[in-house]
PDB file of N, CA and C in Angstrom:
ATOM      1  N   MET A   1     106.370 117.535 129.961  1.00  0.00           N
ATOM      2  CA  MET A   1     107.023 117.290 129.630  1.00  0.00           C
ATOM      3  C   MET A   1     106.898 117.607 127.991  1.00  0.00           C
ATOM      4  N   VAL A   2     106.699 118.435 127.137  1.00  0.00           N
ATOM      5  CA  VAL A   2     106.386 119.064 125.876  1.00  0.00           C
ATOM      6  C   VAL A   2     107.243 119.406 125.316  1.00  0.00           C
ATOM      7  N   MET A   3     107.176 117.734 124.031  1.00  0.00           N
ATOM      8  CA  MET A   3     108.647 118.636 123.217  1.00  0.00           C
ATOM      9  C   MET A   3     108.464 118.713 121.611  1.00  0.00           C
ATOM     10  N   ASP A   4     108.882 119.766 121.131  1.00  0.00           N
ATOM     11  CA  ASP A   4     108.445 120.583 119.939  1.00  0.00           C
ATOM     12  C   ASP A   4     109.406 119.685 118.455  1.00  0.00           C
ATOM     13  N   ILE A   5     108.257 119.241 117.592  1.00  0.00           N
ATOM     14  CA  ILE A   5     109.353 118.155 116.374  1.00  0.00           C
ATOM     15  C   ILE A   5     109.081 118.959 116.074  1.00  0.00           C
ATOM     16  N   PRO A   6     110.730 119.629 114.665  1.00  0.00           N
ATOM     17  CA  PRO A   6     109.873 120.171 113.752  1.00  0.00           C
ATOM     18  C   PRO A   6     109.134 119.193 112.582  1.00  0.00           C
ATOM     19  N   VAL A   7     108.256 120.271 112.004  1.00  0.00           N
ATOM     20  CA  VAL A   7     107.397 119.237 110.775  1.00  0.00           C
ATOM     21  C   VAL A   7     108.809 118.596 109.573  1.00  0.00           C
ATOM     22  N   ASP A   8     109.281 120.411 109.455  1.00  0.00           N
ATOM     23  CA  ASP A   8     109.962 120.334 107.519  1.00  0.00           C
ATOM     24  C   ASP A   8     111.152 120.387 108.427  1.00  0.00           C
ATOM     25  N   ARG A   9     112.160 119.502 107.960  1.00  0.00           N
ATOM     26  CA  ARG A   9     113.016 119.078 108.340  1.00  0.00           C
ATOM     27  C   ARG A   9     114.682 118.970 107.096  1.00  0.00           C
ATOM     28  N   PRO A  10     115.327 120.337 107.341  1.00  0.00           N
ATOM     29  CA  PRO A  10     115.657 120.884 105.554  1.00  0.00           C
ATOM     30  C   PRO A  10     117.168 119.252 105.985  1.00  0.00           C
ATOM     31  N   GLY A  11     117.554 119.548 104.972  1.00  0.00           N
ATOM     32  CA  GLY A  11     118.544 118.716 103.997  1.00  0.00           C
ATOM     33  C   GLY A  11     117.628 117.458 103.203  1.00  0.00           C
ATOM     34  N   ARG A  12     118.521 116.382 103.249  1.00  0.00           N
ATOM     35  CA  ARG A  12     117.998 115.444 101.806  1.00  0.00           C
ATOM     36  C   ARG A  12     116.415 114.797 102.180  1.00  0.00           C
ATOM     37  N   GLN A  13     115.815 115.111 101.083  1.00  0.00           N
ATOM     38  CA  GLN A  13     114.386 114.255 101.141  1.00  0.00           C
ATOM     39  C   GLN A  13     114.378 112.873 100.602  1.00  0.00           C
ATOM     40  N   GLN A  14     114.071 112.190 100.834  1.00  0.00           N
ATOM     41  CA  GLN A  14     114.050 110.633 100.580  1.00  0.00           C
ATOM     42  C   GLN A  14     112.620 110.915 100.048  1.00  0.00           C
ATOM     43  N   THR A  15     112.330 110.399  98.337  1.00  0.00           N
ATOM     44  CA  THR A  15     111.740 109.719  97.823  1.00  0.00           C
ATOM     45  C   THR A  15     111.331 108.011  97.122  1.00  0.00           C
ATOM     46  N   THR A  16     110.308 107.572  97.871  1.00  0.00           N
ATOM     47  CA  THR A  16     110.360 107.020  97.383  1.00  0.00           C
ATOM     48  C   THR A  16     109.983 106.465  95.932  1.00  0.00           C
ATOM     49  N   GLU A  17     110.022 104.812  95.677  1.00  0.00           N
ATOM     50  CA  GLU A  17     109.838 104.572  94.212  1.00  0.00           C
ATOM     51  C   GLU A  17     109.058 103.492  93.779  1.00  0.00           C
ATOM     52  N   ILE A  18     108.017 103.685  93.576  1.00  0.00           N
ATOM     53  CA  ILE A  18     106.724 102.845  93.636  1.00  0.00           C
ATOM     54  C   ILE A  18     106.923 101.735  92.012  1.00  0.00           C
ATOM     55  N   PRO A  19     107.421 100.111  92.618  1.00  0.00           N
ATOM     56  CA  PRO A  19     108.314  99.494  91.889  1.00  0.00           C
ATOM     57  C   PRO A  19     107.096  98.886  90.667  1.00  0.00           C
ATOM     58  N   TRP A  20     105.686  98.963  91.055  1.00  0.00           N
ATOM     59  CA  TRP A  20     104.811  98.419  89.943  1.00  0.00           C
ATOM     60  C   TRP A  20     104.115  99.250  89.223  1.00  0.00           C
ATOM     61  N   THR A  21     103.507  98.818  87.802  1.00  0.00           N
ATOM     62  CA  THR A  21     102.707  99.110  87.246  1.00  0.00           C
ATOM     63  C   THR A  21     101.660  98.220  87.125  1.00  0.00           C
ATOM     64  N   ARG A  22     100.022  98.549  86.846  1.00  0.00           N
ATOM     65  CA  ARG A  22      99.335  98.411  86.593  1.00  0.00           C
ATOM     66  C   ARG A  22      99.078  98.224  85.274  1.00  0.00           C
ATOM     67  N   ILE A  23      99.551  97.508  84.184  1.00  0.00           N
ATOM     68  CA  ILE A  23      99.422  96.473  83.215  1.00  0.00           C
ATOM     69  C   ILE A  23      98.108  96.522  81.980  1.00  0.00           C
ATOM     70  N   ASP A  24      97.453  95.148  83.053  1.00  0.00           N
ATOM     71  CA  ASP A  24      96.020  95.243  82.577  1.00  0.00           C
ATOM     72  C   ASP A  24      95.808  94.462  83.529  1.00  0.00           C
ATOM     73  N   LEU A  25      94.013  94.228  83.656  1.00  0.00           N
ATOM     74  CA  LEU A  25      93.122  94.007  84.713  1.00  0.00           C
ATOM     75  C   LEU A  25      93.499  93.114  86.058  1.00  0.00           C
ATOM     76  N   ASP A  26      94.499  92.045  85.431  1.00  0.00           N
ATOM     77  CA  ASP A  26      95.001  90.972  86.800  1.00  0.00           C
ATOM     78  C   ASP A  26      95.818  90.912  86.220  1.00  0.00           C
ATOM     79  N   LEU A  27      97.193  92.170  85.632  1.00  0.00           N
ATOM     80  CA  LEU A  27      98.203  92.074  85.762  1.00  0.00           C
ATOM     81  C   LEU A  27      99.522  93.319  85.825  1.00  0.00           C
ATOM     82  N   TYR A  28     100.717  93.600  86.495  1.00  0.00           N
ATOM     83  CA  TYR A  28     101.233  94.617  86.793  1.00  0.00           C
ATOM     84  C   TYR A  28     102.524  93.890  87.111  1.00  0.00           C
ATOM     85  N   GLU A  29     103.279  95.418  86.155  1.00  0.00           N
ATOM     86  CA  GLU A  29     104.816  94.983  86.061  1.00  0.00           C
ATOM     87  C   GLU A  29     105.681  95.680  87.025  1.00  0.00           C
ATOM     88  N   VAL A  30     106.722  94.556  87.284  1.00  0.00           N
ATOM     89  CA  VAL A  30     107.073  95.009  88.686  1.00  0.00           C
ATOM     90  C   VAL A  30     108.868  95.580  87.965  1.00  0.00           C
ATOM     91  N   ALA A  31     109.644  96.688  88.141  1.00  0.00           N
ATOM     92  CA  ALA A  31     110.813  96.971  88.076  1.00  0.00           C
ATOM     93  C   ALA A  31     111.632  97.156  88.745  1.00  0.00           C
ATOM     94  N   ARG A  32     112.450  97.040  88.882  1.00  0.00           N
ATOM     95  CA  ARG A  32     113.856  98.142  89.931  1.00  0.00           C
ATOM     96  C   ARG A  32     114.921  98.321  89.149  1.00  0.00           C
ATOM     97  N   ASP A  33     115.062  99.829  89.352  1.00  0.00           N
ATOM     98  CA  ASP A  33     116.149 101.152  89.186  1.00  0.00           C
ATOM     99  C   ASP A  33     115.841 101.668  87.559  1.00  0.00           C
ATOM    100  N   GLY A  34     114.639 101.354  86.730  1.00  0.00           N
ATOM    101  CA  GLY A  34     113.742 101.632  86.088  1.00  0.00           C
ATOM    102  C   GLY A  34     114.566 100.565  84.619  1.00  0.00           C
ATOM    103  N   ARG A  35     114.100  98.947  85.033  1.00  0.00           N
ATOM    104  CA  ARG A  35     114.084  98.200  84.124  1.00  0.00           C
ATOM    105  C   ARG A  35     113.113  96.817  85.020  1.00  0.00           C
ATOM    106  N   ILE A  36     112.307  96.374  83.461  1.00  0.00           N
ATOM    107  CA  ILE A  36     111.361  95.151  84.519  1.00  0.00           C
ATOM    108  C   ILE A  36     111.608  94.149  84.752  1.00  0.00           C
ATOM    109  N   VAL A  37     111.463  93.540  85.930  1.00  0.00           N
ATOM    110  CA  VAL A  37     112.122  92.836  86.618  1.00  0.00           C
ATOM    111  C   VAL A  37     110.719  91.330  86.630  1.00  0.00           C
ATOM    112  N   GLY A  38     110.517  92.053  86.635  1.00  0.00           N
ATOM    113  CA  GLY A  38     108.533  91.258  86.428  1.00  0.00           C
ATOM    114  C   GLY A  38     107.732  90.771  86.526  1.00  0.00           C
ATOM    115  N   TYR A  39     106.725  90.622  87.102  1.00  0.00           N
ATOM    116  CA  TYR A  39     105.518  89.995  87.011  1.00  0.00           C
ATOM    117  C   TYR A  39     104.423  90.050  88.218  1.00  0.00           C
ATOM    118  N   VAL A  40     103.416  90.027  88.170  1.00  0.00           N
ATOM    119  CA  VAL A  40     102.524  89.814  89.318  1.00  0.00           C
ATOM    120  C   VAL A  40     100.415  89.847  88.584  1.00  0.00           C
ATOM    121  N   GLU A  41     100.849  88.472  88.704  1.00  0.00           N
ATOM    122  CA  GLU A  41      98.585  88.132  88.140  1.00  0.00           C
ATOM    123  C   GLU A  41      98.576  88.028  89.039  1.00  0.00           C
ATOM    124  N   VAL A  42      97.354  88.428  88.762  1.00  0.00           N
ATOM    125  CA  VAL A  42      96.038  87.775  89.485  1.00  0.00           C
ATOM    126  C   VAL A  42      95.194  86.567  89.951  1.00  0.00           C
ATOM    127  N   VAL A  43      95.463  85.259  90.236  1.00  0.00           N
ATOM    128  CA  VAL A  43      94.590  84.961  89.083  1.00  0.00           C
ATOM    129  C   VAL A  43      93.838  84.461  90.411  1.00  0.00           C
ATOM    130  N   GLY A  44      92.418  85.002  90.994  1.00  0.00           N
ATOM    131  CA  GLY A  44      91.200  84.154  91.976  1.00  0.00           C
ATOM    132  C   GLY A  44      91.737  85.371  93.408  1.00  0.00           C
ATOM    133  N   ALA A  45      92.241  84.719  94.141  1.00  0.00           N
ATOM    134  CA  ALA A  45      92.990  84.403  95.658  1.00  0.00           C
ATOM    135  C   ALA A  45      94.286  84.909  95.980  1.00  0.00           C
ATOM    136  N   VAL A  46      95.221  84.571  94.538  1.00  0.00           N
ATOM    137  CA  VAL A  46      96.342  84.445  94.880  1.00  0.00           C
ATOM    138  C   VAL A  46      96.788  85.294  94.302  1.00  0.00           C
ATOM    139  N   PHE A  47      98.273  85.828  94.561  1.00  0.00           N
ATOM    140  CA  PHE A  47      99.127  86.405  93.622  1.00  0.00           C
ATOM    141  C   PHE A  47     100.078  85.925  93.384  1.00  0.00           C
ATOM    142  N   VAL A  48     100.157  85.731  92.224  1.00  0.00           N
ATOM    143  CA  VAL A  48     101.496  84.956  91.283  1.00  0.00           C
ATOM    144  C   VAL A  48     102.914  85.467  90.511  1.00  0.00           C
ATOM    145  N   ALA A  49     104.449  84.990  91.139  1.00  0.00           N
ATOM    146  CA  ALA A  49     104.900  86.119  91.294  1.00  0.00           C
ATOM    147  C   ALA A  49     105.462  85.408  90.125  1.00  0.00           C
ATOM    148  N   LEU A  50     106.059  86.543  89.310  1.00  0.00           N
ATOM    149  CA  LEU A  50     106.132  85.879  87.658  1.00  0.00           C
ATOM    150  C   LEU A  50     108.198  86.364  87.812  1.00  0.00           C
ATOM    151  N   GLY A  51     109.178  85.933  87.257  1.00  0.00           N
ATOM    152  CA  GLY A  51     110.110  86.223  86.936  1.00  0.00           C
ATOM    153  C   GLY A  51     110.056  86.256  85.850  1.00  0.00           C
ATOM    154  N   GLY A  52     111.168  87.650  85.055  1.00  0.00           N
ATOM    155  CA  GLY A  52     112.201  87.428  83.904  1.00  0.00           C
ATOM    156  C   GLY A  52     111.412  88.561  83.276  1.00  0.00           C
ATOM    157  N   SER A  53     111.971  89.527  82.414  1.00  0.00           N
ATOM    158  CA  SER A  53     111.625  91.369  81.905  1.00  0.00           C
ATOM    159  C   SER A  53     110.394  91.028  80.669  1.00  0.00           C
ATOM    160  N   ARG A  54     110.006  89.706  80.042  1.00  0.00           N
ATOM    161  CA  ARG A  54     109.041  89.790  79.382  1.00  0.00           C
ATOM    162  C   ARG A  54     108.411  88.822  79.674  1.00  0.00           C
ATOM    163  N   TYR A  55     106.962  88.789  79.724  1.00  0.00           N
ATOM    164  CA  TYR A  55     105.364  88.653  79.975  1.00  0.00           C
ATOM    165  C   TYR A  55     105.633  87.389  79.300  1.00  0.00           C
ATOM    166  N   ASP A  56     105.615  87.129  77.881  1.00  0.00           N
ATOM    167  CA  ASP A  56     105.369  85.501  77.895  1.00  0.00           C
ATOM    168  C   ASP A  56     106.805  84.986  77.626  1.00  0.00           C
ATOM    169  N   ARG A  57     107.545  85.150  78.452  1.00  0.00           N
ATOM    170  CA  ARG A  57     108.660  84.194  78.949  1.00  0.00           C
ATOM    171  C   ARG A  57     108.985  83.932  80.292  1.00  0.00           C
ATOM    172  N   ALA A  58     108.736  84.726  80.986  1.00  0.00           N
ATOM    173  CA  ALA A  58     108.296  84.472  82.889  1.00  0.00           C
ATOM    174  C   ALA A  58     107.867  83.480  83.438  1.00  0.00           C
ATOM    175  N   VAL A  59     108.606  82.638  84.090  1.00  0.00           N
ATOM    176  CA  VAL A  59     108.896  81.996  85.010  1.00  0.00           C
ATOM    177  C   VAL A  59     108.079  81.990  86.588  1.00  0.00           C
ATOM    178  N   GLU A  60     107.350  81.671  86.600  1.00  0.00           N
ATOM    179  CA  GLU A  60     106.680  81.857  88.436  1.00  0.00           C
ATOM    180  C   GLU A  60     107.383  81.005  89.461  1.00  0.00           C
ATOM    181  N   VAL A  61     108.404  82.209  90.308  1.00  0.00           N
ATOM    182  CA  VAL A  61     108.751  81.454  90.796  1.00  0.00           C
ATOM    183  C   VAL A  61     108.082  81.858  92.554  1.00  0.00           C
ATOM    184  N   ALA A  62     106.932  82.151  92.241  1.00  0.00           N
ATOM    185  CA  ALA A  62     106.372  82.242  94.109  1.00  0.00           C
ATOM    186  C   ALA A  62     104.583  82.209  93.771  1.00  0.00           C
ATOM    187  N   GLN A  63     103.703  81.997  94.557  1.00  0.00           N
ATOM    188  CA  GLN A  63     102.368  82.581  95.065  1.00  0.00           C
ATOM    189  C   GLN A  63     102.334  83.308  96.576  1.00  0.00           C
ATOM    190  N   HIS A  64     101.980  83.475  96.349  1.00  0.00           N
ATOM    191  CA  HIS A  64     101.781  84.266  97.993  1.00  0.00           C
ATOM    192  C   HIS A  64      99.803  84.906  98.184  1.00  0.00           C
ATOM    193  N   LEU A  65      98.873  84.996  98.666  1.00  0.00           N
ATOM    194  CA  LEU A  65      98.105  85.494  99.607  1.00  0.00           C
ATOM    195  C   LEU A  65      98.162  87.062  99.707  1.00  0.00           C
ATOM    196  N   THR A  66      98.981  87.887  99.402  1.00  0.00           N
ATOM    197  CA  THR A  66      99.170  89.116  99.806  1.00  0.00           C
ATOM    198  C   THR A  66     100.228  89.924  97.626  1.00  0.00           C
ATOM    199  N   PHE A  67      99.441  91.051  97.843  1.00  0.00           N
ATOM    200  CA  PHE A  67      99.996  91.326  96.519  1.00  0.00           C
ATOM    201  C   PHE A  67     100.855  91.675  96.910  1.00  0.00           C
ATOM    202  N   HIS A  68     101.834  91.927  98.929  1.00  0.00           N
ATOM    203  CA  HIS A  68     103.213  93.036  98.555  1.00  0.00           C
ATOM    204  C   HIS A  68     103.940  92.161  98.519  1.00  0.00           C
ATOM    205  N   ALA A  69     103.861  90.627  98.993  1.00  0.00           N
ATOM    206  CA  ALA A  69     104.778  89.513  98.709  1.00  0.00           C
ATOM    207  C   ALA A  69     105.405  89.235  98.129  1.00  0.00           C
ATOM    208  N   ALA A  70     103.766  89.079  97.381  1.00  0.00           N
ATOM    209  CA  ALA A  70     104.673  88.584  95.565  1.00  0.00           C
ATOM    210  C   ALA A  70     105.346  89.349  95.269  1.00  0.00           C
ATOM    211  N   VAL A  71     104.990  91.274  95.131  1.00  0.00           N
ATOM    212  CA  VAL A  71     105.745  91.844  93.926  1.00  0.00           C
ATOM    213  C   VAL A  71     107.505  91.894  95.390  1.00  0.00           C
ATOM    214  N   ASP A  72     107.295  91.532  96.522  1.00  0.00           N
ATOM    215  CA  ASP A  72     108.865  91.564  97.083  1.00  0.00           C
ATOM    216  C   ASP A  72     109.198  90.682  96.756  1.00  0.00           C
ATOM    217  N   THR A  73     108.616  89.002  96.304  1.00  0.00           N
ATOM    218  CA  THR A  73     109.357  88.379  95.653  1.00  0.00           C
ATOM    219  C   THR A  73     110.403  88.508  94.177  1.00  0.00           C
ATOM    220  N   VAL A  74     109.354  89.305  93.488  1.00  0.00           N
ATOM    221  CA  VAL A  74     109.691  89.418  91.912  1.00  0.00           C
ATOM    222  C   VAL A  74     111.362  90.465  92.768  1.00  0.00           C
ATOM    223  N   LEU A  75     111.147  91.105  93.346  1.00  0.00           N
ATOM    224  CA  LEU A  75     111.951  92.041  93.244  1.00  0.00           C
ATOM    225  C   LEU A  75     113.041  91.462  94.330  1.00  0.00           C
ATOM    226  N   ARG A  76     113.275  91.124  95.392  1.00  0.00           N
ATOM    227  CA  ARG A  76     114.363  90.016  95.872  1.00  0.00           C
ATOM    228  C   ARG A  76     114.964  89.507  95.003  1.00  0.00           C
ATOM    229  N   ARG A  77     114.905  87.857  94.125  1.00  0.00           N
ATOM    230  CA  ARG A  77     114.685  87.505  93.176  1.00  0.00           C
ATOM    231  C   ARG A  77     115.900  88.533  92.262  1.00  0.00           C
ATOM    232  N   ALA A  78     115.617  89.961  91.488  1.00  0.00           N
ATOM    233  CA  ALA A  78     115.971  90.582  90.355  1.00  0.00           C
ATOM    234  C   ALA A  78     117.318  90.989  91.440  1.00  0.00           C
ATOM    235  N   ALA A  79     117.863  90.892  92.539  1.00  0.00           N
ATOM    236  CA  ALA A  79     118.817  91.559  93.241  1.00  0.00           C
ATOM    237  C   ALA A  79     119.697  90.315  93.570  1.00  0.00           C
ATOM    238  N   ARG A  80     119.367  88.978  93.549  1.00  0.00           N
ATOM    239  CA  ARG A  80     120.417  87.967  93.454  1.00  0.00           C
ATOM    240  C   ARG A  80     121.089  88.318  92.241  1.00  0.00           C
TER     241      ARG A  80
END
């Protein structure tokens, strides 16, 4: 049995916001709803999650081995 699946579905399309922006060679800014909530700094093979809207005052909240885990940590902290 062969089923046809429409390629284009009518209705609302879901857009995905990319929550990070590269601002330096080893530094990424993480935002939620247009507001800066933290940073991810690359230190060797480790991604350091920093919470806070200003980099010079951001506090380390975690260290991860993957970039996406560090971004997720910053976003979850901001949701609290």
